[in-house]
């Protein structure tokens, strides 16, 4: 028996096994793909804005109002506001409320990030009404732990301060020019005064 035919048979077997693994492994690996979670940044924020009272639920102390920008906000009213009967529906007021702003940087890599950047450029009234937004980072001040954002279509610059250590660390990953998506969640109305 010569060694040549044995080597040829063994070589053919190894090539066949390698081809079988090469086609089976990528399919198996792709079946278990999961989105990589990306860490966002959260900011506590206080907003004071002109508004019009839409309704007040006295039993739950919930106030619904429309801001000058057209957003409808529904939030609990602090006990410190006192008697809510002073503000019937249709009253022009100045409202102060606390909110949490969560921001996710779309520059970070991960499954779906390219699609998310494309979708972020679209203006959707339903997203705006729900508190979702797309903004561009115009400034990051690491000395004071603040980030400044502007709507991608232009307008007012919003500056948020990072007060927690974890948030301050995340600011280091945000750069001017980045596109961010976010969500504003109103928590509590802290003051209502008649409009000036």
N, C-alpha and C. Protein backbone atom coordinates (compact mmCIF):
# COMPACT_ATOMS: atom_id res chain seq x y z
N UNK A 1 0.84 -1.17 0.00
CA UNK A 1 0.00 0.00 0.00
C UNK A 1 0.89 1.24 0.00
N UNK A 2 0.54 2.18 -0.83
CA UNK A 2 1.35 3.39 -0.90
C UNK A 2 0.71 4.50 -0.08
N UNK A 3 1.53 5.41 0.33
CA UNK A 3 1.07 6.50 1.19
C UNK A 3 0.33 7.58 0.39
N UNK A 4 0.57 7.73 -0.87
CA UNK A 4 -0.05 8.76 -1.71
C UNK A 4 -1.56 8.70 -1.69
N UNK A 5 -2.20 7.53 -1.96
CA UNK A 5 -3.66 7.48 -1.97
C UNK A 5 -4.26 7.74 -0.58
N UNK A 6 -3.56 7.32 0.47
CA UNK A 6 -4.06 7.57 1.83
C UNK A 6 -4.04 9.06 2.12
N UNK A 7 -2.97 9.72 1.73
CA UNK A 7 -2.89 11.18 1.94
C UNK A 7 -3.99 11.90 1.16
N UNK A 8 -4.25 11.46 -0.05
CA UNK A 8 -5.28 12.09 -0.88
C UNK A 8 -6.65 11.92 -0.25
N UNK A 9 -6.94 10.70 0.25
CA UNK A 9 -8.24 10.43 0.88
C UNK A 9 -8.40 11.25 2.16
N UNK A 10 -7.32 11.30 2.95
CA UNK A 10 -7.35 12.07 4.20
C UNK A 10 -7.51 13.57 3.91
N UNK A 11 -6.80 14.04 2.90
CA UNK A 11 -6.90 15.46 2.51
C UNK A 11 -8.30 15.82 2.06
N UNK A 12 -8.93 14.94 1.26
CA UNK A 12 -10.29 15.19 0.77
C UNK A 12 -11.27 15.20 1.94
N UNK A 13 -11.07 14.30 2.90
CA UNK A 13 -11.95 14.25 4.07
C UNK A 13 -11.83 15.53 4.89
N UNK A 14 -10.60 16.02 5.10
CA UNK A 14 -10.40 17.26 5.86
C UNK A 14 -10.99 18.47 5.15
N UNK A 15 -10.84 18.54 3.84
CA UNK A 15 -11.43 19.64 3.07
C UNK A 15 -12.95 19.60 3.19
N UNK A 16 -13.54 18.42 3.08
CA UNK A 16 -14.99 18.29 3.22
C UNK A 16 -15.48 18.72 4.60
N UNK A 17 -14.76 18.32 5.63
CA UNK A 17 -15.14 18.70 7.00
C UNK A 17 -15.01 20.21 7.19
N UNK A 18 -13.97 20.80 6.65
CA UNK A 18 -13.77 22.25 6.77
C UNK A 18 -14.88 23.01 6.06
N UNK A 19 -15.28 22.55 4.88
CA UNK A 19 -16.37 23.20 4.15
C UNK A 19 -17.69 23.07 4.91
N UNK A 20 -17.93 21.91 5.49
CA UNK A 20 -19.17 21.72 6.27
C UNK A 20 -19.21 22.66 7.47
N UNK A 21 -18.09 22.79 8.16
CA UNK A 21 -18.03 23.71 9.31
C UNK A 21 -18.14 25.17 8.86
N UNK A 22 -17.54 25.50 7.73
CA UNK A 22 -17.56 26.88 7.25
C UNK A 22 -18.97 27.34 6.91
N UNK A 23 -19.81 26.44 6.45
CA UNK A 23 -21.19 26.83 6.13
C UNK A 23 -22.11 26.72 7.34
N UNK A 24 -21.83 25.82 8.25
CA UNK A 24 -22.71 25.61 9.40
C UNK A 24 -22.46 26.63 10.50
N UNK A 25 -21.22 26.98 10.76
CA UNK A 25 -20.91 27.88 11.88
C UNK A 25 -21.46 29.30 11.70
N UNK A 26 -21.30 29.96 10.54
CA UNK A 26 -21.86 31.30 10.42
C UNK A 26 -23.37 31.32 10.60
N UNK A 27 -24.08 30.31 10.08
CA UNK A 27 -25.53 30.27 10.24
C UNK A 27 -25.90 30.10 11.70
N UNK A 28 -25.18 29.26 12.41
CA UNK A 28 -25.47 29.05 13.83
C UNK A 28 -25.15 30.30 14.63
N UNK A 29 -24.06 30.95 14.31
CA UNK A 29 -23.67 32.15 15.05
C UNK A 29 -24.66 33.29 14.81
N UNK A 30 -25.17 33.42 13.58
CA UNK A 30 -26.10 34.49 13.28
C UNK A 30 -27.45 34.27 13.94
N UNK A 31 -27.81 33.03 14.20
CA UNK A 31 -29.08 32.75 14.85
C UNK A 31 -29.14 33.28 16.27
N UNK A 32 -28.02 33.50 16.91
CA UNK A 32 -27.98 33.96 18.30
C UNK A 32 -27.63 35.43 18.43
N UNK A 33 -27.70 36.21 17.34
CA UNK A 33 -27.37 37.63 17.43
C UNK A 33 -28.37 38.36 18.30
N UNK A 34 -27.86 39.21 19.16
CA UNK A 34 -28.71 40.04 19.98
C UNK A 34 -28.18 41.46 19.92
N UNK A 35 -29.08 42.42 20.05
CA UNK A 35 -28.66 43.81 20.05
C UNK A 35 -27.74 44.07 21.23
N UNK A 36 -26.70 44.83 20.99
CA UNK A 36 -25.77 45.20 22.06
C UNK A 36 -26.37 46.41 22.77
N UNK A 37 -26.62 46.31 24.07
CA UNK A 37 -27.21 47.46 24.76
C UNK A 37 -26.22 48.62 24.77
N UNK A 38 -26.75 49.81 24.51
CA UNK A 38 -25.91 50.99 24.55
C UNK A 38 -26.33 51.81 25.76
N UNK A 39 -25.37 52.31 26.46
CA UNK A 39 -25.67 53.09 27.65
C UNK A 39 -26.08 54.49 27.27
N UNK A 40 -27.13 54.97 27.87
CA UNK A 40 -27.59 56.34 27.64
C UNK A 40 -27.17 57.22 28.80
N UNK A 41 -27.52 58.49 28.68
CA UNK A 41 -27.21 59.47 29.70
C UNK A 41 -28.54 60.06 30.17
N UNK A 42 -28.74 60.17 31.47
CA UNK A 42 -29.97 60.74 32.02
C UNK A 42 -29.66 62.03 32.75
N UNK A 43 -30.54 63.01 32.57
CA UNK A 43 -30.39 64.31 33.22
C UNK A 43 -31.69 64.67 33.93
N UNK A 44 -31.58 65.17 35.14
CA UNK A 44 -32.74 65.76 35.83
C UNK A 44 -32.80 67.21 35.37
N UNK A 45 -33.99 67.69 35.07
CA UNK A 45 -34.13 69.02 34.50
C UNK A 45 -35.38 69.68 35.05
N UNK A 46 -35.34 71.00 35.22
CA UNK A 46 -36.52 71.78 35.60
C UNK A 46 -36.84 72.74 34.47
N UNK A 47 -38.10 72.75 34.05
CA UNK A 47 -38.54 73.58 32.94
C UNK A 47 -39.58 74.57 33.45
N UNK A 48 -39.46 75.83 33.03
CA UNK A 48 -40.50 76.83 33.28
C UNK A 48 -40.92 77.35 31.91
N UNK A 49 -42.22 77.27 31.63
CA UNK A 49 -42.71 77.62 30.30
C UNK A 49 -44.09 78.24 30.36
N UNK A 50 -44.40 79.16 29.43
CA UNK A 50 -45.79 79.63 29.32
C UNK A 50 -46.66 78.47 28.84
N UNK A 51 -47.87 78.39 29.34
CA UNK A 51 -48.75 77.28 28.98
C UNK A 51 -50.20 77.68 29.13
N UNK A 52 -51.07 76.83 28.64
CA UNK A 52 -52.51 77.00 28.81
C UNK A 52 -53.04 75.73 29.48
N UNK A 53 -53.77 75.92 30.57
CA UNK A 53 -54.34 74.77 31.28
C UNK A 53 -55.39 74.11 30.38
N UNK A 54 -55.26 72.82 30.20
CA UNK A 54 -56.21 72.06 29.40
C UNK A 54 -57.25 71.41 30.31
N UNK A 55 -56.78 70.79 31.41
CA UNK A 55 -57.69 70.19 32.39
C UNK A 55 -56.94 69.91 33.68
N UNK A 56 -57.72 69.78 34.75
CA UNK A 56 -57.16 69.43 36.05
C UNK A 56 -58.05 68.37 36.68
N UNK A 57 -57.44 67.28 37.10
CA UNK A 57 -58.16 66.23 37.82
C UNK A 57 -57.86 66.46 39.30
N UNK A 58 -58.86 67.01 40.00
CA UNK A 58 -58.65 67.39 41.41
C UNK A 58 -58.42 66.18 42.31
N UNK A 59 -59.06 65.06 42.00
CA UNK A 59 -58.93 63.87 42.84
C UNK A 59 -57.50 63.32 42.81
N UNK A 60 -56.89 63.27 41.63
CA UNK A 60 -55.53 62.74 41.54
C UNK A 60 -54.47 63.85 41.50
N UNK A 61 -54.92 65.11 41.53
CA UNK A 61 -54.02 66.28 41.44
C UNK A 61 -53.13 66.17 40.20
N UNK A 62 -53.76 65.85 39.07
CA UNK A 62 -53.06 65.76 37.80
C UNK A 62 -53.43 66.96 36.94
N UNK A 63 -52.40 67.60 36.37
CA UNK A 63 -52.60 68.79 35.54
C UNK A 63 -52.21 68.44 34.11
N UNK A 64 -53.09 68.80 33.17
CA UNK A 64 -52.79 68.66 31.75
C UNK A 64 -52.74 70.06 31.18
N UNK A 65 -51.62 70.38 30.51
CA UNK A 65 -51.46 71.71 29.93
C UNK A 65 -50.76 71.62 28.59
N UNK A 66 -50.94 72.69 27.80
CA UNK A 66 -50.31 72.78 26.49
C UNK A 66 -49.27 73.89 26.54
N UNK A 67 -48.04 73.57 26.14
CA UNK A 67 -46.97 74.58 26.17
C UNK A 67 -47.10 75.49 24.96
N UNK A 68 -46.34 76.59 24.98
CA UNK A 68 -46.34 77.53 23.86
C UNK A 68 -45.86 76.84 22.58
N UNK A 69 -45.02 75.82 22.73
CA UNK A 69 -44.53 75.06 21.58
C UNK A 69 -45.51 74.05 21.05
N UNK A 70 -46.66 73.88 21.71
CA UNK A 70 -47.70 72.98 21.24
C UNK A 70 -47.70 71.61 21.88
N UNK A 71 -46.75 71.32 22.76
CA UNK A 71 -46.71 70.01 23.41
C UNK A 71 -47.75 69.94 24.52
N UNK A 72 -48.44 68.82 24.60
CA UNK A 72 -49.39 68.59 25.69
C UNK A 72 -48.69 67.74 26.74
N UNK A 73 -48.69 68.23 27.97
CA UNK A 73 -48.01 67.54 29.07
C UNK A 73 -49.02 67.24 30.16
N UNK A 74 -48.91 66.04 30.70
CA UNK A 74 -49.78 65.57 31.76
C UNK A 74 -48.89 65.13 32.91
N UNK A 75 -49.00 65.80 34.08
CA UNK A 75 -48.13 65.47 35.20
C UNK A 75 -48.85 65.75 36.52
N UNK A 76 -48.38 65.09 37.55
CA UNK A 76 -48.93 65.30 38.90
C UNK A 76 -48.53 66.69 39.39
N UNK A 77 -49.39 67.28 40.21
CA UNK A 77 -49.11 68.60 40.78
C UNK A 77 -48.65 68.44 42.23
N UNK A 78 -47.60 69.14 42.59
CA UNK A 78 -47.09 69.10 43.96
C UNK A 78 -48.11 69.73 44.92
N UNK A 79 -48.12 69.25 46.15
CA UNK A 79 -49.03 69.80 47.16
C UNK A 79 -48.74 71.28 47.43
N UNK A 80 -47.49 71.69 47.23
CA UNK A 80 -47.11 73.08 47.50
C UNK A 80 -47.81 74.08 46.59
N UNK A 81 -48.40 73.62 45.48
CA UNK A 81 -49.13 74.52 44.57
C UNK A 81 -50.40 75.01 45.23
N UNK A 82 -50.96 74.20 46.11
CA UNK A 82 -52.17 74.61 46.80
C UNK A 82 -53.42 74.28 46.00
N UNK A 83 -54.41 75.17 46.08
CA UNK A 83 -55.71 74.96 45.48
C UNK A 83 -55.63 75.05 43.95
N UNK A 84 -55.92 73.97 43.28
CA UNK A 84 -55.87 73.95 41.82
C UNK A 84 -57.10 74.58 41.17
N UNK A 85 -58.15 74.86 41.98
CA UNK A 85 -59.36 75.48 41.45
C UNK A 85 -59.09 76.88 40.89
N UNK A 86 -57.96 77.46 41.27
CA UNK A 86 -57.62 78.81 40.79
C UNK A 86 -57.32 78.84 39.31
N UNK A 87 -57.14 77.65 38.69
CA UNK A 87 -56.70 77.58 37.31
C UNK A 87 -57.67 76.75 36.46
N UNK A 88 -58.81 77.34 36.06
CA UNK A 88 -59.75 76.58 35.23
C UNK A 88 -59.18 76.35 33.82
N UNK A 89 -59.79 75.42 33.09
CA UNK A 89 -59.37 75.12 31.72
C UNK A 89 -59.37 76.39 30.89
N UNK A 90 -58.34 76.56 30.09
CA UNK A 90 -58.21 77.73 29.23
C UNK A 90 -57.40 78.87 29.83
N UNK A 91 -57.01 78.75 31.11
CA UNK A 91 -56.25 79.81 31.77
C UNK A 91 -54.80 79.83 31.27
N UNK A 92 -54.31 81.03 30.93
CA UNK A 92 -52.91 81.20 30.54
C UNK A 92 -52.07 81.28 31.81
N UNK A 93 -51.05 80.45 31.90
CA UNK A 93 -50.23 80.36 33.11
C UNK A 93 -48.76 80.21 32.74
N UNK A 94 -47.91 80.32 33.76
CA UNK A 94 -46.51 79.92 33.66
C UNK A 94 -46.38 78.67 34.53
N UNK A 95 -45.87 77.59 33.95
CA UNK A 95 -45.78 76.31 34.64
C UNK A 95 -44.32 75.93 34.81
N UNK A 96 -43.97 75.48 36.01
CA UNK A 96 -42.64 74.90 36.24
C UNK A 96 -42.85 73.42 36.57
N UNK A 97 -42.05 72.58 35.94
CA UNK A 97 -42.16 71.15 36.21
C UNK A 97 -40.79 70.50 36.11
N UNK A 98 -40.66 69.39 36.85
CA UNK A 98 -39.43 68.59 36.81
C UNK A 98 -39.60 67.51 35.76
N UNK A 99 -38.50 67.20 35.07
CA UNK A 99 -38.53 66.14 34.08
C UNK A 99 -37.20 65.39 34.11
N UNK A 100 -37.22 64.20 33.56
CA UNK A 100 -36.00 63.43 33.34
C UNK A 100 -35.81 63.37 31.83
N UNK A 101 -34.59 63.67 31.38
CA UNK A 101 -34.26 63.62 29.96
C UNK A 101 -33.24 62.50 29.78
N UNK A 102 -33.61 61.49 28.98
CA UNK A 102 -32.71 60.37 28.67
C UNK A 102 -32.21 60.55 27.25
N UNK A 103 -30.89 60.43 27.06
CA UNK A 103 -30.27 60.66 25.76
C UNK A 103 -29.44 59.45 25.37
N UNK A 104 -29.54 59.03 24.11
CA UNK A 104 -28.75 57.94 23.57
C UNK A 104 -27.98 58.46 22.37
N UNK A 105 -26.67 58.27 22.38
CA UNK A 105 -25.80 58.75 21.32
C UNK A 105 -25.83 57.78 20.15
N UNK A 106 -26.25 58.24 18.98
CA UNK A 106 -26.33 57.37 17.81
C UNK A 106 -24.98 57.15 17.14
N UNK A 107 -23.95 57.88 17.55
CA UNK A 107 -22.62 57.69 16.98
C UNK A 107 -22.03 56.37 17.43
N UNK A 108 -22.44 55.89 18.60
CA UNK A 108 -21.90 54.64 19.11
C UNK A 108 -22.28 53.50 18.18
N UNK A 109 -21.37 52.59 17.99
CA UNK A 109 -21.58 51.47 17.07
C UNK A 109 -22.43 50.40 17.73
N UNK A 110 -23.09 49.63 16.92
CA UNK A 110 -23.89 48.53 17.41
C UNK A 110 -24.94 48.17 16.38
N UNK A 111 -25.55 47.00 16.51
CA UNK A 111 -26.58 46.60 15.55
C UNK A 111 -27.69 47.64 15.48
N UNK A 112 -28.04 48.03 14.28
CA UNK A 112 -29.14 48.97 14.09
C UNK A 112 -28.75 50.42 14.19
N UNK A 113 -27.51 50.76 14.50
CA UNK A 113 -27.15 52.16 14.68
C UNK A 113 -27.26 52.96 13.39
N UNK A 114 -26.89 52.36 12.24
CA UNK A 114 -26.99 53.07 10.97
C UNK A 114 -28.46 53.36 10.65
N UNK A 115 -29.32 52.36 10.82
CA UNK A 115 -30.75 52.55 10.59
C UNK A 115 -31.32 53.59 11.55
N UNK A 116 -30.91 53.55 12.81
CA UNK A 116 -31.40 54.52 13.79
C UNK A 116 -31.01 55.93 13.39
N UNK A 117 -29.79 56.12 12.86
CA UNK A 117 -29.38 57.45 12.42
C UNK A 117 -30.23 57.92 11.25
N UNK A 118 -30.57 57.02 10.33
CA UNK A 118 -31.40 57.39 9.20
C UNK A 118 -32.81 57.75 9.66
N UNK A 119 -33.36 56.95 10.57
CA UNK A 119 -34.70 57.21 11.08
C UNK A 119 -34.76 58.49 11.90
N UNK A 120 -33.66 58.84 12.56
CA UNK A 120 -33.63 60.02 13.43
C UNK A 120 -33.84 61.30 12.65
N UNK A 121 -33.49 61.30 11.38
CA UNK A 121 -33.63 62.50 10.58
C UNK A 121 -35.07 62.81 10.20
N UNK A 122 -35.97 61.86 10.39
CA UNK A 122 -37.37 62.05 10.01
C UNK A 122 -38.12 62.75 11.14
N UNK A 123 -38.95 63.73 10.77
CA UNK A 123 -39.75 64.44 11.75
C UNK A 123 -41.09 63.74 11.90
N UNK A 124 -41.43 63.32 13.11
CA UNK A 124 -42.65 62.58 13.36
C UNK A 124 -43.42 63.27 14.48
N UNK A 125 -44.61 63.75 14.17
CA UNK A 125 -45.42 64.46 15.15
C UNK A 125 -45.76 63.57 16.35
N UNK A 126 -45.99 62.29 16.10
CA UNK A 126 -46.33 61.36 17.20
C UNK A 126 -45.15 61.22 18.16
N UNK A 127 -43.93 61.18 17.62
CA UNK A 127 -42.74 61.10 18.48
C UNK A 127 -42.61 62.36 19.33
N UNK A 128 -42.81 63.51 18.72
CA UNK A 128 -42.71 64.77 19.44
C UNK A 128 -43.76 64.83 20.55
N UNK A 129 -44.96 64.43 20.25
CA UNK A 129 -46.03 64.45 21.25
C UNK A 129 -45.73 63.51 22.41
N UNK A 130 -45.03 62.41 22.14
CA UNK A 130 -44.71 61.45 23.19
C UNK A 130 -43.45 61.84 23.97
N UNK A 131 -42.81 62.95 23.59
CA UNK A 131 -41.62 63.40 24.30
C UNK A 131 -40.32 62.91 23.70
N UNK A 132 -40.39 62.20 22.57
CA UNK A 132 -39.17 61.72 21.93
C UNK A 132 -38.61 62.82 21.04
N UNK A 133 -37.28 62.88 20.94
CA UNK A 133 -36.66 63.92 20.14
C UNK A 133 -35.36 63.43 19.51
N UNK A 134 -34.92 64.15 18.49
CA UNK A 134 -33.62 63.95 17.86
C UNK A 134 -32.93 65.30 17.90
N UNK A 135 -31.72 65.34 18.43
CA UNK A 135 -30.98 66.59 18.53
C UNK A 135 -29.53 66.38 18.14
N UNK A 136 -28.85 67.49 17.92
CA UNK A 136 -27.43 67.47 17.60
C UNK A 136 -26.68 68.09 18.77
N UNK A 137 -25.58 67.47 19.15
CA UNK A 137 -24.74 67.99 20.23
C UNK A 137 -23.97 69.18 19.68
N UNK A 138 -24.10 70.34 20.34
CA UNK A 138 -23.37 71.53 19.91
C UNK A 138 -22.27 71.91 20.89
N UNK A 139 -22.26 71.30 22.05
CA UNK A 139 -21.20 71.59 23.00
C UNK A 139 -21.19 70.61 24.16
N UNK A 140 -19.97 70.28 24.61
CA UNK A 140 -19.78 69.45 25.80
C UNK A 140 -18.75 70.16 26.66
N UNK A 141 -19.14 70.51 27.88
CA UNK A 141 -18.22 71.18 28.80
C UNK A 141 -17.93 70.21 29.95
N UNK A 142 -16.80 69.52 29.84
CA UNK A 142 -16.46 68.53 30.87
C UNK A 142 -16.09 69.16 32.19
N UNK A 143 -15.63 70.42 32.18
CA UNK A 143 -15.25 71.11 33.42
C UNK A 143 -16.48 71.35 34.30
N UNK A 144 -17.62 71.67 33.65
CA UNK A 144 -18.85 71.92 34.42
C UNK A 144 -19.86 70.79 34.28
N UNK A 145 -19.48 69.71 33.54
CA UNK A 145 -20.33 68.54 33.34
C UNK A 145 -21.67 68.91 32.71
N UNK A 146 -21.60 69.66 31.59
CA UNK A 146 -22.81 70.07 30.87
C UNK A 146 -22.70 69.69 29.41
N UNK A 147 -23.85 69.39 28.82
CA UNK A 147 -23.94 69.12 27.39
C UNK A 147 -25.02 70.04 26.82
N UNK A 148 -24.76 70.59 25.64
CA UNK A 148 -25.73 71.47 24.97
C UNK A 148 -26.20 70.81 23.69
N UNK A 149 -27.52 70.79 23.51
CA UNK A 149 -28.15 70.14 22.37
C UNK A 149 -29.05 71.13 21.65
N UNK A 150 -29.15 70.99 20.33
CA UNK A 150 -30.08 71.80 19.55
C UNK A 150 -30.85 70.86 18.64
N UNK A 151 -32.12 71.20 18.41
CA UNK A 151 -32.93 70.41 17.50
C UNK A 151 -32.24 70.37 16.15
N UNK A 152 -32.28 69.24 15.49
CA UNK A 152 -31.61 69.08 14.20
C UNK A 152 -32.14 70.06 13.16
N UNK A 153 -33.38 70.53 13.32
CA UNK A 153 -33.96 71.50 12.39
C UNK A 153 -33.63 72.94 12.81
N UNK A 154 -32.96 73.11 13.94
CA UNK A 154 -32.62 74.45 14.45
C UNK A 154 -33.50 74.81 15.63
N UNK A 155 -33.26 75.97 16.18
CA UNK A 155 -34.08 76.43 17.30
C UNK A 155 -33.26 76.66 18.55
N UNK A 156 -33.94 76.59 19.69
CA UNK A 156 -33.34 76.88 20.99
C UNK A 156 -32.33 75.82 21.40
N UNK A 157 -31.23 76.27 22.01
CA UNK A 157 -30.22 75.35 22.54
C UNK A 157 -30.64 74.95 23.95
N UNK A 158 -30.64 73.64 24.22
CA UNK A 158 -30.98 73.11 25.54
C UNK A 158 -29.69 72.63 26.19
N UNK A 159 -29.42 73.11 27.41
CA UNK A 159 -28.22 72.70 28.13
C UNK A 159 -28.63 71.89 29.35
N UNK A 160 -28.00 70.72 29.50
CA UNK A 160 -28.31 69.83 30.61
C UNK A 160 -27.06 69.60 31.44
N UNK A 161 -27.24 69.60 32.76
CA UNK A 161 -26.12 69.40 33.68
C UNK A 161 -26.13 67.98 34.22
N UNK A 162 -24.97 67.36 34.21
CA UNK A 162 -24.82 66.01 34.76
C UNK A 162 -24.44 66.14 36.23
N UNK A 163 -25.29 65.62 37.11
CA UNK A 163 -25.04 65.75 38.55
C UNK A 163 -24.57 64.45 39.18
N UNK A 164 -24.69 63.34 38.47
CA UNK A 164 -24.27 62.06 39.01
C UNK A 164 -22.96 61.62 38.37
N UNK A 165 -22.15 60.91 39.11
CA UNK A 165 -20.83 60.49 38.63
C UNK A 165 -20.93 59.64 37.36
N UNK A 166 -21.89 58.71 37.32
CA UNK A 166 -22.03 57.85 36.14
C UNK A 166 -22.38 58.67 34.91
N UNK A 167 -23.23 59.67 35.07
CA UNK A 167 -23.60 60.53 33.95
C UNK A 167 -22.41 61.36 33.51
N UNK A 168 -21.63 61.85 34.47
CA UNK A 168 -20.45 62.64 34.14
C UNK A 168 -19.46 61.81 33.33
N UNK A 169 -19.31 60.54 33.68
CA UNK A 169 -18.41 59.65 32.93
C UNK A 169 -18.92 59.44 31.50
N UNK A 170 -20.23 59.32 31.33
CA UNK A 170 -20.80 59.11 30.00
C UNK A 170 -20.62 60.33 29.10
N UNK A 171 -20.54 61.52 29.70
CA UNK A 171 -20.35 62.74 28.90
C UNK A 171 -19.06 62.69 28.09
N UNK A 172 -18.08 61.95 28.58
CA UNK A 172 -16.79 61.85 27.89
C UNK A 172 -16.93 61.15 26.54
N UNK A 173 -18.02 60.42 26.33
CA UNK A 173 -18.23 59.69 25.08
C UNK A 173 -19.05 60.50 24.07
N UNK A 174 -19.51 61.67 24.45
CA UNK A 174 -20.33 62.50 23.57
C UNK A 174 -19.46 63.63 23.04
N UNK A 175 -19.56 63.86 21.72
CA UNK A 175 -18.75 64.89 21.06
C UNK A 175 -19.66 65.85 20.30
N UNK A 176 -19.25 67.12 20.15
CA UNK A 176 -20.02 68.04 19.31
C UNK A 176 -20.19 67.47 17.90
N UNK A 177 -21.39 67.61 17.37
CA UNK A 177 -21.70 67.07 16.05
C UNK A 177 -22.41 65.73 16.11
N UNK A 178 -22.38 65.05 17.26
CA UNK A 178 -23.08 63.77 17.40
C UNK A 178 -24.58 63.98 17.30
N UNK A 179 -25.26 63.01 16.73
CA UNK A 179 -26.72 63.00 16.72
C UNK A 179 -27.18 62.14 17.88
N UNK A 180 -28.09 62.66 18.67
CA UNK A 180 -28.61 61.91 19.81
C UNK A 180 -30.13 61.84 19.70
N UNK A 181 -30.67 60.74 20.19
CA UNK A 181 -32.11 60.62 20.33
C UNK A 181 -32.41 60.61 21.81
N UNK A 182 -33.61 60.99 22.17
CA UNK A 182 -33.91 61.01 23.59
C UNK A 182 -35.39 61.01 23.88
N UNK A 183 -35.67 61.02 25.16
CA UNK A 183 -37.03 60.99 25.65
C UNK A 183 -37.13 61.89 26.87
N UNK A 184 -38.11 62.79 26.83
CA UNK A 184 -38.40 63.65 27.98
C UNK A 184 -39.57 63.04 28.73
N UNK A 185 -39.41 62.87 30.06
CA UNK A 185 -40.49 62.32 30.88
C UNK A 185 -40.82 63.32 31.99
N UNK A 186 -41.94 64.04 31.86
CA UNK A 186 -42.34 64.96 32.93
C UNK A 186 -42.68 64.19 34.20
N UNK A 187 -42.20 64.69 35.34
CA UNK A 187 -42.44 63.99 36.60
C UNK A 187 -43.48 64.69 37.46
N UNK A 188 -43.25 65.98 37.74
CA UNK A 188 -44.17 66.68 38.64
C UNK A 188 -44.18 68.19 38.37
N UNK A 189 -45.39 68.74 38.38
CA UNK A 189 -45.55 70.19 38.28
C UNK A 189 -45.24 70.77 39.65
N UNK A 190 -44.28 71.70 39.70
CA UNK A 190 -43.86 72.26 40.98
C UNK A 190 -44.40 73.66 41.24
N UNK A 191 -44.86 74.36 40.17
CA UNK A 191 -45.40 75.69 40.35
C UNK A 191 -46.31 76.06 39.18
N UNK A 192 -47.40 76.72 39.50
CA UNK A 192 -48.29 77.29 38.49
C UNK A 192 -48.61 78.70 38.94
N UNK A 193 -48.35 79.67 38.08
CA UNK A 193 -48.65 81.08 38.38
C UNK A 193 -49.39 81.68 37.20
N UNK A 194 -50.25 82.66 37.46
CA UNK A 194 -50.92 83.32 36.34
C UNK A 194 -49.88 83.91 35.36
N UNK A 195 -50.19 83.87 34.08
CA UNK A 195 -49.27 84.38 33.06
C UNK A 195 -49.02 85.86 33.28
N UNK A 196 -47.79 86.28 33.00
CA UNK A 196 -47.42 87.69 33.19
C UNK A 196 -47.62 88.46 31.92
